[in-house]
Amino acid sequence: MMFTKIDNLETAFRHVKTFTMVVVAASALVSVFALYQSYTTVHRLQDKIYVLANGKAIEAYASDRRDNIAVEARDHVRNFHHYFFTLDPDDKVIRENVAKALYLADNSAKRVYDDLKEGGYYSGIISGNISQGITMDSIVVRVENYPYYFRCYAKQQIVRPTSILKRNLITEGNLRNVSRSDNNPHGFLIERWRTLDNKDIGTENRY
């Protein structure tokens, strides 16, 4: 009788032990699954961004920067040339635009600015009531090798009180990765920037 009770206790203990192991294993599996689902959800949400347009939040998806290097690089080059070459006969406008451009490039652009300033180019724009604009034709970026090489093809338009002068503009340089910021949203820095061609291509009278 006593041995029967002992056998029953051992059997019950084995059942409890087996049940406990099953519960622990199931809990571990549930925990691992929950962690995996949480990670997947967070990763998926990080790929979503919302853009506010006309008072409405529009869902968009973020992508790896490698997918957009060429697009961002061209826009960086476009912004630099726009700010550097868009000038009006106003000292404040000139300083603000050039400052925005110089955040996007290294000393190679600063040297060009200093040379133009010392040569009286900007003071001539102000005293002559001249406005200068630029139109991009194309921007070629080679992303196969780093730093990335670019070449920019554009047209300058210099508006004087009595005439409009048009100039061809071809520049080239390299792009280096830097940290993104409010002043440099694409996270590139133009290096070794130089002008290959800046010839007059035509003049038309305004009056």
N, C-alpha and C. Protein backbone atom coordinates (compact mmCIF):
# COMPACT_ATOMS: atom_id res chain seq x y z
N MET A 1 0.83 -1.20 0.00
CA MET A 1 0.00 0.00 0.00
C MET A 1 0.86 1.25 0.00
N MET A 2 1.92 1.22 0.83
CA MET A 2 2.79 2.37 0.94
C MET A 2 3.55 2.58 -0.36
N PHE A 3 3.98 1.41 -1.00
CA PHE A 3 4.70 1.53 -2.26
C PHE A 3 3.80 2.09 -3.37
N THR A 4 2.53 1.73 -3.29
CA THR A 4 1.57 2.27 -4.29
C THR A 4 1.47 3.78 -4.18
N LYS A 5 1.42 4.29 -2.93
CA LYS A 5 1.33 5.74 -2.72
C LYS A 5 2.60 6.43 -3.24
N ILE A 6 3.76 5.78 -2.99
CA ILE A 6 5.02 6.37 -3.47
C ILE A 6 5.04 6.43 -4.98
N ASP A 7 4.59 5.35 -5.62
CA ASP A 7 4.52 5.34 -7.09
C ASP A 7 3.60 6.43 -7.61
N ASN A 8 2.46 6.60 -6.93
CA ASN A 8 1.51 7.65 -7.34
C ASN A 8 2.14 9.04 -7.19
N LEU A 9 2.91 9.26 -6.12
CA LEU A 9 3.56 10.56 -5.90
C LEU A 9 4.63 10.82 -6.98
N GLU A 10 5.38 9.75 -7.31
CA GLU A 10 6.41 9.91 -8.34
C GLU A 10 5.78 10.20 -9.70
N THR A 11 4.67 9.50 -9.97
CA THR A 11 3.97 9.75 -11.25
C THR A 11 3.44 11.17 -11.31
N ALA A 12 2.83 11.63 -10.19
CA ALA A 12 2.30 12.98 -10.13
C ALA A 12 3.41 14.01 -10.27
N PHE A 13 4.56 13.74 -9.65
CA PHE A 13 5.69 14.67 -9.73
C PHE A 13 6.20 14.78 -11.17
N ARG A 14 6.25 13.59 -11.84
CA ARG A 14 6.69 13.61 -13.23
C ARG A 14 5.73 14.41 -14.10
N HIS A 15 4.43 14.22 -13.82
CA HIS A 15 3.43 14.97 -14.59
C HIS A 15 3.57 16.47 -14.36
N VAL A 16 3.76 16.84 -13.08
CA VAL A 16 3.91 18.26 -12.76
C VAL A 16 5.17 18.81 -13.41
N LYS A 17 6.26 18.04 -13.34
CA LYS A 17 7.53 18.46 -13.95
C LYS A 17 7.37 18.64 -15.45
N THR A 18 6.72 17.64 -16.09
CA THR A 18 6.51 17.74 -17.54
C THR A 18 5.64 18.94 -17.89
N PHE A 19 4.56 19.13 -17.12
CA PHE A 19 3.65 20.25 -17.36
C PHE A 19 4.39 21.59 -17.19
N THR A 20 5.23 21.66 -16.14
CA THR A 20 5.99 22.90 -15.89
C THR A 20 6.95 23.19 -17.04
N MET A 21 7.63 22.16 -17.54
CA MET A 21 8.56 22.35 -18.65
C MET A 21 7.83 22.80 -19.91
N VAL A 22 6.64 22.22 -20.13
CA VAL A 22 5.84 22.62 -21.29
C VAL A 22 5.43 24.08 -21.16
N VAL A 23 5.00 24.50 -19.95
CA VAL A 23 4.57 25.89 -19.73
C VAL A 23 5.75 26.84 -19.93
N VAL A 24 6.93 26.47 -19.39
CA VAL A 24 8.12 27.33 -19.53
C VAL A 24 8.51 27.45 -21.00
N ALA A 25 8.49 26.32 -21.72
CA ALA A 25 8.86 26.35 -23.14
C ALA A 25 7.87 27.18 -23.95
N ALA A 26 6.57 27.02 -23.63
CA ALA A 26 5.55 27.80 -24.33
C ALA A 26 5.71 29.28 -24.05
N SER A 27 6.01 29.62 -22.78
CA SER A 27 6.21 31.03 -22.42
C SER A 27 7.40 31.61 -23.15
N ALA A 28 8.48 30.81 -23.25
CA ALA A 28 9.67 31.28 -23.96
C ALA A 28 9.36 31.53 -25.43
N LEU A 29 8.60 30.61 -26.04
CA LEU A 29 8.23 30.77 -27.44
C LEU A 29 7.37 32.01 -27.65
N VAL A 30 6.41 32.22 -26.75
CA VAL A 30 5.54 33.40 -26.84
C VAL A 30 6.36 34.67 -26.69
N SER A 31 7.32 34.66 -25.75
CA SER A 31 8.17 35.85 -25.54
C SER A 31 9.01 36.16 -26.76
N VAL A 32 9.61 35.10 -27.35
CA VAL A 32 10.43 35.30 -28.55
C VAL A 32 9.57 35.82 -29.70
N PHE A 33 8.38 35.26 -29.85
CA PHE A 33 7.48 35.72 -30.92
C PHE A 33 7.07 37.16 -30.71
N ALA A 34 6.76 37.53 -29.44
CA ALA A 34 6.36 38.90 -29.14
C ALA A 34 7.50 39.89 -29.43
N LEU A 35 8.75 39.51 -29.07
CA LEU A 35 9.89 40.37 -29.35
C LEU A 35 10.10 40.54 -30.85
N TYR A 36 9.94 39.42 -31.59
CA TYR A 36 10.10 39.49 -33.05
C TYR A 36 9.05 40.40 -33.67
N GLN A 37 7.80 40.24 -33.23
CA GLN A 37 6.73 41.08 -33.76
C GLN A 37 6.95 42.55 -33.42
N SER A 38 7.42 42.81 -32.21
CA SER A 38 7.69 44.20 -31.80
C SER A 38 8.78 44.82 -32.66
N TYR A 39 9.86 44.06 -32.87
CA TYR A 39 10.96 44.55 -33.70
C TYR A 39 10.49 44.82 -35.12
N THR A 40 9.72 43.88 -35.66
CA THR A 40 9.21 44.05 -37.03
C THR A 40 8.31 45.27 -37.14
N THR A 41 7.44 45.46 -36.15
CA THR A 41 6.53 46.60 -36.16
C THR A 41 7.28 47.92 -36.08
N VAL A 42 8.25 47.99 -35.16
CA VAL A 42 9.05 49.22 -35.01
C VAL A 42 9.82 49.52 -36.28
N HIS A 43 10.42 48.48 -36.87
CA HIS A 43 11.18 48.67 -38.11
C HIS A 43 10.27 49.16 -39.24
N ARG A 44 9.06 48.59 -39.29
CA ARG A 44 8.12 49.01 -40.33
C ARG A 44 7.67 50.45 -40.13
N LEU A 45 7.43 50.84 -38.87
CA LEU A 45 7.00 52.20 -38.59
C LEU A 45 8.10 53.21 -38.86
N GLN A 46 9.36 52.81 -38.67
CA GLN A 46 10.46 53.73 -38.93
C GLN A 46 10.59 54.02 -40.41
N ASP A 47 10.09 53.12 -41.25
CA ASP A 47 10.14 53.34 -42.70
C ASP A 47 9.00 54.23 -43.18
N LYS A 48 8.12 54.61 -42.27
CA LYS A 48 7.00 55.47 -42.65
C LYS A 48 7.25 56.89 -42.16
N ILE A 49 6.98 57.84 -43.03
CA ILE A 49 7.03 59.22 -42.63
C ILE A 49 5.74 59.89 -43.11
N TYR A 50 5.44 61.00 -42.50
CA TYR A 50 4.23 61.73 -42.88
C TYR A 50 4.62 63.13 -43.31
N VAL A 51 4.16 63.50 -44.49
CA VAL A 51 4.46 64.81 -45.05
C VAL A 51 3.21 65.66 -44.97
N LEU A 52 3.35 66.87 -44.43
CA LEU A 52 2.23 67.78 -44.31
C LEU A 52 2.14 68.62 -45.56
N ALA A 53 1.07 68.47 -46.32
CA ALA A 53 0.88 69.21 -47.56
C ALA A 53 -0.54 69.76 -47.59
N ASN A 54 -0.63 71.07 -47.71
CA ASN A 54 -1.94 71.75 -47.74
C ASN A 54 -2.80 71.38 -46.55
N GLY A 55 -2.17 71.27 -45.39
CA GLY A 55 -2.93 70.98 -44.17
C GLY A 55 -3.31 69.53 -43.99
N LYS A 56 -2.85 68.64 -44.88
CA LYS A 56 -3.18 67.21 -44.78
C LYS A 56 -1.90 66.39 -44.59
N ALA A 57 -1.98 65.41 -43.72
CA ALA A 57 -0.84 64.52 -43.48
C ALA A 57 -0.88 63.39 -44.50
N ILE A 58 0.14 63.30 -45.32
CA ILE A 58 0.22 62.28 -46.36
C ILE A 58 1.30 61.29 -45.98
N GLU A 59 0.94 60.00 -45.98
CA GLU A 59 1.91 58.97 -45.60
C GLU A 59 2.88 58.71 -46.73
N ALA A 60 4.16 58.63 -46.37
CA ALA A 60 5.19 58.31 -47.34
C ALA A 60 6.10 57.25 -46.72
N TYR A 61 6.96 56.70 -47.51
CA TYR A 61 7.85 55.65 -47.04
C TYR A 61 9.30 56.07 -47.22
N ALA A 62 10.09 55.88 -46.18
CA ALA A 62 11.52 56.17 -46.25
C ALA A 62 12.23 55.03 -46.94
N SER A 63 13.33 55.34 -47.58
CA SER A 63 14.11 54.31 -48.25
C SER A 63 15.58 54.47 -47.90
N ASP A 64 16.35 53.45 -48.17
CA ASP A 64 17.77 53.48 -47.89
C ASP A 64 18.43 54.57 -48.73
N ARG A 65 19.40 55.29 -48.11
CA ARG A 65 20.02 56.39 -48.82
C ARG A 65 20.71 55.94 -50.10
N ARG A 66 21.20 54.71 -50.10
CA ARG A 66 21.89 54.21 -51.28
C ARG A 66 20.99 54.22 -52.50
N ASP A 67 19.68 54.10 -52.28
CA ASP A 67 18.74 54.12 -53.40
C ASP A 67 18.58 55.52 -53.98
N ASN A 68 18.96 56.55 -53.20
CA ASN A 68 18.68 57.93 -53.61
C ASN A 68 19.93 58.79 -53.72
N ILE A 69 21.11 58.19 -53.71
CA ILE A 69 22.33 58.99 -53.73
C ILE A 69 22.36 59.93 -54.94
N ALA A 70 22.11 59.39 -56.12
CA ALA A 70 22.19 60.21 -57.34
C ALA A 70 21.16 61.34 -57.31
N VAL A 71 19.94 61.03 -56.85
CA VAL A 71 18.89 62.06 -56.80
C VAL A 71 19.25 63.16 -55.81
N GLU A 72 19.67 62.76 -54.61
CA GLU A 72 20.04 63.76 -53.60
C GLU A 72 21.27 64.54 -54.01
N ALA A 73 22.23 63.87 -54.64
CA ALA A 73 23.46 64.55 -55.07
C ALA A 73 23.14 65.61 -56.13
N ARG A 74 22.28 65.28 -57.08
CA ARG A 74 21.92 66.27 -58.11
C ARG A 74 21.20 67.46 -57.49
N ASP A 75 20.33 67.19 -56.52
CA ASP A 75 19.61 68.29 -55.88
C ASP A 75 20.56 69.16 -55.06
N HIS A 76 21.56 68.53 -54.43
CA HIS A 76 22.56 69.29 -53.68
C HIS A 76 23.33 70.22 -54.61
N VAL A 77 23.78 69.69 -55.74
CA VAL A 77 24.52 70.49 -56.72
C VAL A 77 23.63 71.60 -57.26
N ARG A 78 22.37 71.28 -57.54
CA ARG A 78 21.42 72.28 -58.05
C ARG A 78 21.22 73.42 -57.05
N ASN A 79 21.04 73.06 -55.77
CA ASN A 79 20.83 74.09 -54.74
C ASN A 79 22.06 74.99 -54.60
N PHE A 80 23.24 74.37 -54.61
CA PHE A 80 24.46 75.16 -54.47
C PHE A 80 24.56 76.19 -55.59
N HIS A 81 24.39 75.76 -56.84
CA HIS A 81 24.51 76.67 -57.97
C HIS A 81 23.40 77.72 -57.96
N HIS A 82 22.21 77.33 -57.55
CA HIS A 82 21.12 78.29 -57.48
C HIS A 82 21.46 79.43 -56.52
N TYR A 83 21.89 79.08 -55.31
CA TYR A 83 22.20 80.11 -54.32
C TYR A 83 23.44 80.92 -54.70
N PHE A 84 24.45 80.27 -55.26
CA PHE A 84 25.69 80.98 -55.57
C PHE A 84 25.52 81.96 -56.73
N PHE A 85 24.66 81.60 -57.69
CA PHE A 85 24.55 82.41 -58.90
C PHE A 85 23.25 83.21 -58.99
N THR A 86 22.38 83.10 -58.00
CA THR A 86 21.15 83.91 -58.01
C THR A 86 21.40 85.15 -57.17
N LEU A 87 21.53 86.30 -57.84
CA LEU A 87 21.91 87.54 -57.17
C LEU A 87 21.00 88.68 -57.61
N ASP A 88 20.78 89.61 -56.72
CA ASP A 88 20.02 90.82 -57.01
C ASP A 88 20.80 92.01 -56.47
N PRO A 89 20.47 93.23 -56.93
CA PRO A 89 21.20 94.41 -56.48
C PRO A 89 20.84 94.81 -55.04
N ASP A 90 21.10 93.89 -54.14
CA ASP A 90 20.78 94.10 -52.73
C ASP A 90 21.84 93.35 -51.92
N ASP A 91 22.61 94.08 -51.13
CA ASP A 91 23.72 93.48 -50.40
C ASP A 91 23.24 92.36 -49.47
N LYS A 92 22.07 92.53 -48.86
CA LYS A 92 21.55 91.51 -47.95
C LYS A 92 21.20 90.23 -48.69
N VAL A 93 20.56 90.35 -49.85
CA VAL A 93 20.21 89.18 -50.65
C VAL A 93 21.47 88.44 -51.09
N ILE A 94 22.48 89.18 -51.52
CA ILE A 94 23.73 88.57 -51.97
C ILE A 94 24.38 87.80 -50.82
N ARG A 95 24.47 88.44 -49.66
CA ARG A 95 25.12 87.79 -48.51
C ARG A 95 24.36 86.54 -48.07
N GLU A 96 23.03 86.62 -48.03
CA GLU A 96 22.22 85.47 -47.60
C GLU A 96 22.34 84.31 -48.58
N ASN A 97 22.26 84.59 -49.88
CA ASN A 97 22.33 83.52 -50.87
C ASN A 97 23.72 82.87 -50.90
N VAL A 98 24.76 83.70 -50.86
CA VAL A 98 26.11 83.15 -50.87
C VAL A 98 26.38 82.35 -49.60
N ALA A 99 25.87 82.82 -48.46
CA ALA A 99 26.05 82.08 -47.21
C ALA A 99 25.40 80.71 -47.30
N LYS A 100 24.20 80.63 -47.87
CA LYS A 100 23.54 79.33 -48.04
C LYS A 100 24.35 78.42 -48.95
N ALA A 101 24.94 79.00 -50.01
CA ALA A 101 25.74 78.20 -50.94
C ALA A 101 27.00 77.68 -50.28
N LEU A 102 27.64 78.51 -49.46
CA LEU A 102 28.92 78.12 -48.87
C LEU A 102 28.77 77.05 -47.80
N TYR A 103 27.57 76.87 -47.26
CA TYR A 103 27.34 75.75 -46.35
C TYR A 103 27.42 74.41 -47.10
N LEU A 104 27.24 74.46 -48.42
CA LEU A 104 27.17 73.24 -49.23
C LEU A 104 28.48 72.89 -49.91
N ALA A 105 29.52 73.69 -49.72
CA ALA A 105 30.79 73.48 -50.42
C ALA A 105 31.97 73.81 -49.51
N ASP A 106 33.15 73.41 -49.95
CA ASP A 106 34.36 73.66 -49.16
C ASP A 106 35.03 74.96 -49.59
N ASN A 107 36.31 75.11 -49.25
CA ASN A 107 37.03 76.35 -49.53
C ASN A 107 37.21 76.65 -51.01
N SER A 108 37.05 75.65 -51.86
CA SER A 108 37.17 75.92 -53.29
C SER A 108 36.10 76.91 -53.75
N ALA A 109 34.90 76.82 -53.19
CA ALA A 109 33.84 77.80 -53.50
C ALA A 109 34.09 79.12 -52.77
N LYS A 110 34.59 79.05 -51.54
CA LYS A 110 34.88 80.27 -50.78
C LYS A 110 35.95 81.10 -51.48
N ARG A 111 36.94 80.45 -52.07
CA ARG A 111 37.99 81.19 -52.79
C ARG A 111 37.42 81.92 -54.00
N VAL A 112 36.50 81.26 -54.72
CA VAL A 112 35.86 81.92 -55.87
C VAL A 112 35.08 83.14 -55.39
N TYR A 113 34.34 82.99 -54.31
CA TYR A 113 33.57 84.12 -53.76
C TYR A 113 34.50 85.25 -53.36
N ASP A 114 35.59 84.93 -52.67
CA ASP A 114 36.52 85.97 -52.24
C ASP A 114 37.13 86.70 -53.42
N ASP A 115 37.48 85.95 -54.47
CA ASP A 115 38.07 86.57 -55.66
C ASP A 115 37.06 87.51 -56.34
N LEU A 116 35.81 87.07 -56.44
CA LEU A 116 34.77 87.91 -57.05
C LEU A 116 34.53 89.17 -56.21
N LYS A 117 34.53 88.99 -54.90
CA LYS A 117 34.29 90.13 -54.01
C LYS A 117 35.42 91.14 -54.11
N GLU A 118 36.65 90.65 -54.08
CA GLU A 118 37.81 91.55 -54.17
C GLU A 118 37.88 92.24 -55.52
N GLY A 119 37.39 91.56 -56.56
CA GLY A 119 37.39 92.15 -57.90
C GLY A 119 36.24 93.11 -58.14
N GLY A 120 35.38 93.32 -57.13
CA GLY A 120 34.29 94.28 -57.24
C GLY A 120 33.06 93.76 -57.97
N TYR A 121 32.97 92.42 -58.12
CA TYR A 121 31.85 91.86 -58.87
C TYR A 121 30.51 92.14 -58.19
N TYR A 122 30.45 91.92 -56.90
CA TYR A 122 29.19 92.09 -56.18
C TYR A 122 28.82 93.57 -56.02
N SER A 123 29.81 94.40 -55.79
CA SER A 123 29.52 95.84 -55.70
C SER A 123 29.06 96.37 -57.05
N GLY A 124 29.59 95.78 -58.14
CA GLY A 124 29.14 96.17 -59.47
C GLY A 124 27.69 95.78 -59.72
N ILE A 125 27.26 94.64 -59.19
CA ILE A 125 25.86 94.21 -59.32
C ILE A 125 24.95 95.20 -58.61
N ILE A 126 25.37 95.64 -57.42
CA ILE A 126 24.54 96.56 -56.64
C ILE A 126 24.50 97.93 -57.31
N SER A 127 25.66 98.47 -57.67
CA SER A 127 25.70 99.82 -58.27
C SER A 127 25.08 99.86 -59.66
N GLY A 128 25.14 98.73 -60.38
CA GLY A 128 24.59 98.71 -61.73
C GLY A 128 23.16 98.23 -61.81
N ASN A 129 22.53 97.98 -60.64
CA ASN A 129 21.14 97.49 -60.62
C ASN A 129 20.98 96.25 -61.50
N ILE A 130 21.87 95.29 -61.29
CA ILE A 130 21.91 94.07 -62.11
C ILE A 130 21.33 92.90 -61.31
N SER A 131 20.55 92.07 -61.98
CA SER A 131 20.06 90.82 -61.40
C SER A 131 20.65 89.66 -62.18
N GLN A 132 20.96 88.61 -61.45
CA GLN A 132 21.56 87.44 -62.10
C GLN A 132 20.79 86.18 -61.70
N GLY A 133 20.48 85.35 -62.68
CA GLY A 133 19.78 84.10 -62.41
C GLY A 133 20.48 82.96 -63.13
N ILE A 134 20.01 81.76 -62.86
CA ILE A 134 20.63 80.58 -63.47
C ILE A 134 19.56 79.55 -63.79
N THR A 135 19.72 78.88 -64.92
CA THR A 135 18.83 77.80 -65.34
C THR A 135 19.65 76.54 -65.56
N MET A 136 19.26 75.46 -64.89
CA MET A 136 20.00 74.20 -65.02
C MET A 136 19.60 73.48 -66.31
N ASP A 137 20.59 73.06 -67.07
CA ASP A 137 20.33 72.21 -68.23
C ASP A 137 20.38 70.75 -67.82
N SER A 138 21.46 70.35 -67.18
CA SER A 138 21.58 68.97 -66.70
C SER A 138 22.70 68.89 -65.67
N ILE A 139 22.59 67.88 -64.80
CA ILE A 139 23.62 67.61 -63.80
C ILE A 139 23.95 66.13 -63.86
N VAL A 140 25.20 65.83 -64.12
CA VAL A 140 25.66 64.45 -64.21
C VAL A 140 26.42 64.10 -62.94
N VAL A 141 26.02 63.00 -62.28
CA VAL A 141 26.69 62.54 -61.07
C VAL A 141 27.11 61.09 -61.27
N ARG A 142 28.36 60.79 -60.99
CA ARG A 142 28.87 59.42 -61.09
C ARG A 142 29.01 58.86 -59.68
N VAL A 143 28.19 57.88 -59.36
CA VAL A 143 28.18 57.33 -58.01
C VAL A 143 28.93 56.00 -57.91
N GLU A 144 29.60 55.61 -59.00
CA GLU A 144 30.32 54.34 -58.98
C GLU A 144 31.54 54.41 -58.06
N ASN A 145 32.16 55.58 -58.00
CA ASN A 145 33.35 55.76 -57.18
C ASN A 145 33.13 56.89 -56.18
N TYR A 146 33.82 56.78 -55.03
CA TYR A 146 33.69 57.79 -53.97
C TYR A 146 35.04 58.46 -53.77
N PRO A 147 35.08 59.80 -53.62
CA PRO A 147 33.96 60.74 -53.62
C PRO A 147 33.32 60.84 -55.00
N TYR A 148 32.03 61.20 -55.02
CA TYR A 148 31.25 61.20 -56.24
C TYR A 148 31.60 62.41 -57.11
N TYR A 149 31.87 62.15 -58.37
CA TYR A 149 32.18 63.22 -59.31
C TYR A 149 30.87 63.77 -59.90
N PHE A 150 30.84 65.09 -60.13
CA PHE A 150 29.67 65.68 -60.80
C PHE A 150 30.13 66.71 -61.82
N ARG A 151 29.28 66.93 -62.80
CA ARG A 151 29.45 68.02 -63.75
C ARG A 151 28.10 68.68 -63.96
N CYS A 152 28.09 70.01 -63.90
CA CYS A 152 26.84 70.77 -63.99
C CYS A 152 26.85 71.61 -65.27
N TYR A 153 25.76 71.50 -66.04
CA TYR A 153 25.59 72.29 -67.25
C TYR A 153 24.43 73.26 -67.03
N ALA A 154 24.69 74.54 -67.21
CA ALA A 154 23.66 75.54 -66.90
C ALA A 154 23.83 76.76 -67.80
N LYS A 155 22.85 77.65 -67.70
CA LYS A 155 22.88 78.93 -68.39
C LYS A 155 22.67 80.05 -67.37
N GLN A 156 23.51 81.07 -67.47
CA GLN A 156 23.34 82.26 -66.64
C GLN A 156 22.58 83.32 -67.42
N GLN A 157 21.78 84.07 -66.71
CA GLN A 157 21.07 85.20 -67.31
C GLN A 157 21.34 86.43 -66.46
N ILE A 158 22.02 87.41 -67.05
CA ILE A 158 22.40 88.63 -66.33
C ILE A 158 21.57 89.78 -66.88
N VAL A 159 20.67 90.27 -66.06
CA VAL A 159 19.71 91.30 -66.48
C VAL A 159 20.23 92.66 -66.04
N ARG A 160 20.56 93.49 -67.05
CA ARG A 160 20.99 94.87 -66.82
C ARG A 160 19.82 95.80 -67.16
N PRO A 161 19.92 97.06 -66.79
CA PRO A 161 18.81 97.98 -67.08
C PRO A 161 18.43 98.05 -68.55
N THR A 162 19.39 97.86 -69.46
CA THR A 162 19.06 98.00 -70.89
C THR A 162 19.27 96.73 -71.70
N SER A 163 19.80 95.66 -71.09
CA SER A 163 20.09 94.46 -71.87
C SER A 163 20.06 93.21 -71.00
N ILE A 164 20.00 92.07 -71.67
CA ILE A 164 20.06 90.78 -70.99
C ILE A 164 21.20 89.97 -71.62
N LEU A 165 22.16 89.62 -70.81
CA LEU A 165 23.31 88.84 -71.28
C LEU A 165 23.13 87.38 -70.85
N LYS A 166 23.37 86.48 -71.79
CA LYS A 166 23.29 85.06 -71.48
C LYS A 166 24.67 84.44 -71.58
N ARG A 167 24.99 83.58 -70.62
CA ARG A 167 26.30 82.94 -70.57
C ARG A 167 26.14 81.44 -70.40
N ASN A 168 27.03 80.71 -71.02
CA ASN A 168 27.12 79.28 -70.79
C ASN A 168 27.89 79.05 -69.49
N LEU A 169 27.49 78.04 -68.72
CA LEU A 169 28.19 77.73 -67.47
C LEU A 169 28.33 76.22 -67.32
N ILE A 170 29.57 75.77 -67.24
CA ILE A 170 29.86 74.36 -66.97
C ILE A 170 30.83 74.30 -65.80
N THR A 171 30.46 73.57 -64.77
CA THR A 171 31.32 73.42 -63.61
C THR A 171 31.46 71.93 -63.27
N GLU A 172 32.45 71.61 -62.45
CA GLU A 172 32.63 70.24 -62.02
C GLU A 172 33.20 70.22 -60.60
N GLY A 173 33.15 69.07 -59.98
CA GLY A 173 33.67 68.92 -58.63
C GLY A 173 33.38 67.53 -58.10
N ASN A 174 33.65 67.35 -56.82
CA ASN A 174 33.38 66.09 -56.14
C ASN A 174 32.42 66.31 -54.99
N LEU A 175 31.77 65.24 -54.57
CA LEU A 175 30.84 65.29 -53.44
C LEU A 175 31.31 64.32 -52.37
N ARG A 176 31.45 64.85 -51.15
CA ARG A 176 31.84 64.03 -49.99
C ARG A 176 30.68 63.97 -49.01
N ASN A 177 30.50 62.83 -48.37
CA ASN A 177 29.44 62.67 -47.37
C ASN A 177 29.81 63.41 -46.09
N VAL A 178 28.83 64.16 -45.56
CA VAL A 178 28.97 64.82 -44.26
C VAL A 178 27.64 64.65 -43.51
N SER A 179 27.60 65.11 -42.28
CA SER A 179 26.36 65.01 -41.49
C SER A 179 25.29 65.92 -42.07
N ARG A 180 24.05 65.46 -42.01
CA ARG A 180 22.93 66.29 -42.43
C ARG A 180 22.65 67.35 -41.37
N SER A 181 22.16 68.49 -41.83
CA SER A 181 21.79 69.56 -40.90
C SER A 181 20.76 70.44 -41.58
N ASP A 182 20.24 71.43 -40.84
CA ASP A 182 19.28 72.36 -41.44
C ASP A 182 19.92 73.14 -42.59
N ASN A 183 21.22 73.42 -42.47
CA ASN A 183 21.91 74.16 -43.52
C ASN A 183 22.38 73.27 -44.66
N ASN A 184 22.43 71.96 -44.41
CA ASN A 184 22.90 71.01 -45.41
C ASN A 184 22.04 69.74 -45.33
N PRO A 185 20.79 69.82 -45.80
CA PRO A 185 19.84 68.71 -45.61
C PRO A 185 20.21 67.43 -46.34
N HIS A 186 20.99 67.51 -47.42
CA HIS A 186 21.33 66.29 -48.17
C HIS A 186 22.58 65.60 -47.63
N GLY A 187 23.35 66.29 -46.79
CA GLY A 187 24.52 65.65 -46.21
C GLY A 187 25.65 65.41 -47.18
N PHE A 188 25.87 66.36 -48.11
CA PHE A 188 27.01 66.32 -49.03
C PHE A 188 27.82 67.60 -48.89
N LEU A 189 29.08 67.54 -49.26
CA LEU A 189 29.92 68.73 -49.32
C LEU A 189 30.64 68.73 -50.66
N ILE A 190 30.49 69.83 -51.40
CA ILE A 190 31.16 69.96 -52.70
C ILE A 190 32.63 70.29 -52.47
N GLU A 191 33.49 69.53 -53.13
CA GLU A 191 34.93 69.75 -53.03
C GLU A 191 35.52 69.95 -54.42
N ARG A 192 36.66 70.66 -54.48
CA ARG A 192 37.41 70.88 -55.73
C ARG A 192 36.50 71.42 -56.82
N TRP A 193 35.67 72.36 -56.46
CA TRP A 193 34.74 72.95 -57.42
C TRP A 193 35.47 73.93 -58.32
N ARG A 194 35.24 73.81 -59.61
CA ARG A 194 35.86 74.75 -60.54
C ARG A 194 34.98 74.93 -61.77
N THR A 195 35.18 76.06 -62.43
CA THR A 195 34.41 76.40 -63.63
C THR A 195 35.19 76.00 -64.87
N LEU A 196 34.56 75.23 -65.74
CA LEU A 196 35.19 74.79 -66.98
C LEU A 196 34.89 75.73 -68.14
N ASP A 197 33.71 76.35 -68.12
CA ASP A 197 33.32 77.24 -69.23
C ASP A 197 32.33 78.27 -68.70
N ASN A 198 32.54 79.52 -69.08
CA ASN A 198 31.61 80.59 -68.69
C ASN A 198 31.61 81.68 -69.76
N LYS A 199 31.39 81.24 -71.01
CA LYS A 199 31.45 82.17 -72.14
C LYS A 199 30.09 82.82 -72.41
N ASP A 200 30.14 84.04 -72.94
CA ASP A 200 28.93 84.72 -73.38
C ASP A 200 28.37 83.99 -74.60
N ILE A 201 27.04 83.83 -74.62
CA ILE A 201 26.43 83.16 -75.78
C ILE A 201 25.39 84.04 -76.47
N GLY A 202 25.14 85.23 -75.93
CA GLY A 202 24.18 86.11 -76.61
C GLY A 202 23.72 87.27 -75.74
N THR A 203 23.32 88.35 -76.40
CA THR A 203 22.82 89.54 -75.71
C THR A 203 21.56 90.01 -76.43
N GLU A 204 20.58 90.42 -75.66
CA GLU A 204 19.39 91.00 -76.26
C GLU A 204 19.04 92.31 -75.54
N ASN A 205 18.55 93.27 -76.31
CA ASN A 205 18.17 94.55 -75.74
C ASN A 205 16.82 94.45 -75.06
N ARG A 206 16.67 95.16 -74.00
CA ARG A 206 15.40 95.16 -73.27
C ARG A 206 14.44 96.20 -73.83
N TYR A 207 14.96 97.25 -74.43
CA TYR A 207 14.11 98.31 -74.94
C TYR A 207 14.46 98.60 -76.38
